[in-house]
Amino acid sequence: MSVLAPAAAASGASVALRRAHAAALTQLGFVQTRQRRFGTGLAALEAALAIWRGIDPLLADSDAAANFGIATVSGSGVVTGKRSGVVTITAQTSGVSGSVTIDVN
């Protein structure tokens, strides 16, 4: 992260570099959340979201749009809508998994 952040924030940074930075932050946020470090995980995911939003044109870019947050899930399982759209949430614990598709209005 310490290598990507300054380069991605530099004037004229390529879309590929900004995508790489956003993808790294997204993964970092997910890892931190899985480690129950919710504050730092959320901060990383919000930073990634801000980068994804800055990639133009976001709506025509399926790689970036796929990473644009529709909803978040708290550690206790509460789903909070962030913007309109359909999202599938999958969870797994003790070898049991399940999915639900939610239409956020």
C-alpha atoms as a PDB file:
ATOM      1  CA  MET A   1       0.000   0.000   0.000  1.00  0.00           C
ATOM      2  CA  SER A   2       2.792   2.417   0.841  1.00  0.00           C
ATOM      3  CA  VAL A   3       4.142   2.032  -2.702  1.00  0.00           C
ATOM      4  CA  LEU A   4       0.840   2.291  -4.574  1.00  0.00           C
ATOM      5  CA  ALA A   5      -0.771   5.144  -2.640  1.00  0.00           C
ATOM      6  CA  PRO A   6       1.605   7.984  -3.572  1.00  0.00           C
ATOM      7  CA  ALA A   7       1.915   6.854  -7.189  1.00  0.00           C
ATOM      8  CA  ALA A   8      -1.853   6.452  -7.597  1.00  0.00           C
ATOM      9  CA  ALA A   9      -2.497   9.878  -6.045  1.00  0.00           C
ATOM     10  CA  ALA A  10       0.010  11.617  -8.315  1.00  0.00           C
ATOM     11  CA  SER A  11      -1.255  13.906 -11.043  1.00  0.00           C
ATOM     12  CA  GLY A  12      -1.681  11.967 -14.264  1.00  0.00           C
ATOM     13  CA  ALA A  13      -1.743   8.522 -12.605  1.00  0.00           C
ATOM     14  CA  SER A  14      -2.966   5.913 -15.068  1.00  0.00           C
ATOM     15  CA  VAL A  15      -6.353   4.255 -14.751  1.00  0.00           C
ATOM     16  CA  ALA A  16      -4.579   0.894 -14.418  1.00  0.00           C
ATOM     17  CA  LEU A  17      -2.555   2.166 -11.454  1.00  0.00           C
ATOM     18  CA  ARG A  18      -5.623   3.665  -9.772  1.00  0.00           C
ATOM     19  CA  ARG A  19      -7.500   0.375 -10.304  1.00  0.00           C
ATOM     20  CA  ALA A  20      -4.602  -1.563  -8.774  1.00  0.00           C
ATOM     21  CA  HIS A  21      -4.606   0.742  -5.749  1.00  0.00           C
ATOM     22  CA  ALA A  22      -8.385   0.459  -5.319  1.00  0.00           C
ATOM     23  CA  ALA A  23      -8.270  -3.333  -5.702  1.00  0.00           C
ATOM     24  CA  ALA A  24      -5.498  -3.597  -3.106  1.00  0.00           C
ATOM     25  CA  LEU A  25      -7.451  -1.414  -0.668  1.00  0.00           C
ATOM     26  CA  THR A  26     -10.594  -3.482  -1.286  1.00  0.00           C
ATOM     27  CA  GLN A  27      -8.782  -6.705  -0.476  1.00  0.00           C
ATOM     28  CA  LEU A  28      -7.112  -5.130   2.558  1.00  0.00           C
ATOM     29  CA  GLY A  29     -10.498  -3.989   3.844  1.00  0.00           C
ATOM     30  CA  PHE A  30     -11.970  -7.471   3.435  1.00  0.00           C
ATOM     31  CA  VAL A  31      -9.009  -9.084   5.217  1.00  0.00           C
ATOM     32  CA  GLN A  32      -9.192  -6.611   8.086  1.00  0.00           C
ATOM     33  CA  THR A  33     -12.937  -7.163   8.401  1.00  0.00           C
ATOM     34  CA  ARG A  34     -12.455 -10.936   8.493  1.00  0.00           C
ATOM     35  CA  GLN A  35      -9.934 -10.363  11.267  1.00  0.00           C
ATOM     36  CA  ARG A  36     -12.678  -8.459  13.115  1.00  0.00           C
ATOM     37  CA  ARG A  37     -10.778  -5.166  12.782  1.00  0.00           C
ATOM     38  CA  PHE A  38     -13.929  -3.405  11.669  1.00  0.00           C
ATOM     39  CA  GLY A  39     -12.757   0.198  12.041  1.00  0.00           C
ATOM     40  CA  THR A  40      -9.642  -0.170   9.923  1.00  0.00           C
ATOM     41  CA  GLY A  41     -11.421  -2.499   7.505  1.00  0.00           C
ATOM     42  CA  LEU A  42     -14.222  -0.005   6.934  1.00  0.00           C
ATOM     43  CA  ALA A  43     -11.712   2.817   6.457  1.00  0.00           C
ATOM     44  CA  ALA A  44      -9.862   0.808   3.793  1.00  0.00           C
ATOM     45  CA  LEU A  45     -13.109  -0.093   2.009  1.00  0.00           C
ATOM     46  CA  GLU A  46     -14.319   3.518   2.064  1.00  0.00           C
ATOM     47  CA  ALA A  47     -10.959   4.687   0.671  1.00  0.00           C
ATOM     48  CA  ALA A  48     -11.226   2.051  -2.077  1.00  0.00           C
ATOM     49  CA  LEU A  49     -14.773   3.183  -2.867  1.00  0.00           C
ATOM     50  CA  ALA A  50     -13.596   6.775  -3.240  1.00  0.00           C
ATOM     51  CA  ILE A  51     -10.919   5.651  -5.704  1.00  0.00           C
ATOM     52  CA  TRP A  52     -13.342   3.470  -7.688  1.00  0.00           C
ATOM     53  CA  ARG A  53     -15.732   6.441  -7.901  1.00  0.00           C
ATOM     54  CA  GLY A  54     -12.935   8.594  -9.316  1.00  0.00           C
ATOM     55  CA  ILE A  55     -12.271   6.298 -12.261  1.00  0.00           C
ATOM     56  CA  ASP A  56     -13.983   7.748 -15.332  1.00  0.00           C
ATOM     57  CA  PRO A  57     -16.299   6.697 -16.760  1.00  0.00           C
ATOM     58  CA  LEU A  58     -17.274   4.461 -13.855  1.00  0.00           C
ATOM     59  CA  LEU A  59     -20.657   3.397 -15.202  1.00  0.00           C
ATOM     60  CA  ALA A  60     -19.161   2.210 -18.492  1.00  0.00           C
ATOM     61  CA  ASP A  61     -16.311   0.387 -16.749  1.00  0.00           C
ATOM     62  CA  SER A  62     -17.505  -3.027 -15.586  1.00  0.00           C
ATOM     63  CA  ASP A  63     -14.319  -3.770 -13.589  1.00  0.00           C
ATOM     64  CA  ALA A  64     -14.706  -0.602 -11.542  1.00  0.00           C
ATOM     65  CA  ALA A  65     -18.498  -0.788 -11.369  1.00  0.00           C
ATOM     66  CA  ALA A  66     -18.324  -4.302  -9.935  1.00  0.00           C
ATOM     67  CA  ASN A  67     -16.386  -2.919  -6.989  1.00  0.00           C
ATOM     68  CA  PHE A  68     -18.720   0.020  -6.374  1.00  0.00           C
ATOM     69  CA  GLY A  69     -20.403  -0.580  -2.997  1.00  0.00           C
ATOM     70  CA  ILE A  70     -24.144  -1.178  -2.995  1.00  0.00           C
ATOM     71  CA  ALA A  71     -24.437  -2.373   0.606  1.00  0.00           C
ATOM     72  CA  THR A  72     -22.340  -3.113   3.663  1.00  0.00           C
ATOM     73  CA  VAL A  73     -22.748  -5.870   6.226  1.00  0.00           C
ATOM     74  CA  SER A  74     -21.878  -5.308   9.880  1.00  0.00           C
ATOM     75  CA  GLY A  75     -20.138  -7.880  12.048  1.00  0.00           C
ATOM     76  CA  SER A  76     -23.516  -8.818  13.507  1.00  0.00           C
ATOM     77  CA  GLY A  77     -25.041  -9.300  10.047  1.00  0.00           C
ATOM     78  CA  VAL A  78     -27.002  -6.065   9.655  1.00  0.00           C
ATOM     79  CA  VAL A  79     -27.164  -5.010   5.984  1.00  0.00           C
ATOM     80  CA  THR A  80     -27.077  -1.271   5.236  1.00  0.00           C
ATOM     81  CA  GLY A  81     -27.854   0.001   1.745  1.00  0.00           C
ATOM     82  CA  LYS A  82     -25.389   2.505   0.277  1.00  0.00           C
ATOM     83  CA  ARG A  83     -26.969   3.099  -3.130  1.00  0.00           C
ATOM     84  CA  SER A  84     -29.664   1.575  -5.335  1.00  0.00           C
ATOM     85  CA  GLY A  85     -28.911  -1.746  -6.936  1.00  0.00           C
ATOM     86  CA  VAL A  86     -29.017  -5.488  -6.516  1.00  0.00           C
ATOM     87  CA  VAL A  87     -26.390  -7.196  -4.397  1.00  0.00           C
ATOM     88  CA  THR A  88     -25.791 -10.829  -3.475  1.00  0.00           C
ATOM     89  CA  ILE A  89     -24.396 -11.396   0.004  1.00  0.00           C
ATOM     90  CA  THR A  90     -22.769 -14.711   0.852  1.00  0.00           C
ATOM     91  CA  ALA A  91     -21.710 -15.851   4.310  1.00  0.00           C
ATOM     92  CA  GLN A  92     -19.963 -18.945   5.602  1.00  0.00           C
ATOM     93  CA  THR A  93     -19.298 -20.262   9.098  1.00  0.00           C
ATOM     94  CA  SER A  94     -18.430 -23.671  10.480  1.00  0.00           C
ATOM     95  CA  GLY A  95     -18.712 -25.255   7.050  1.00  0.00           C
ATOM     96  CA  VAL A  96     -22.232 -23.911   6.443  1.00  0.00           C
ATOM     97  CA  SER A  97     -22.807 -21.235   3.834  1.00  0.00           C
ATOM     98  CA  GLY A  98     -25.732 -19.292   2.455  1.00  0.00           C
ATOM     99  CA  SER A  99     -26.518 -16.466   0.070  1.00  0.00           C
ATOM    100  CA  VAL A 100     -29.220 -13.872  -0.248  1.00  0.00           C
ATOM    101  CA  THR A 101     -29.917 -11.417  -3.051  1.00  0.00           C
ATOM    102  CA  ILE A 102     -31.129  -7.990  -1.909  1.00  0.00           C
ATOM    103  CA  ASP A 103     -32.653  -5.227  -4.013  1.00  0.00           C
ATOM    104  CA  VAL A 104     -31.519  -1.939  -2.438  1.00  0.00           C
ATOM    105  CA  ASN A 105     -33.817   1.010  -3.266  1.00  0.00           C
END
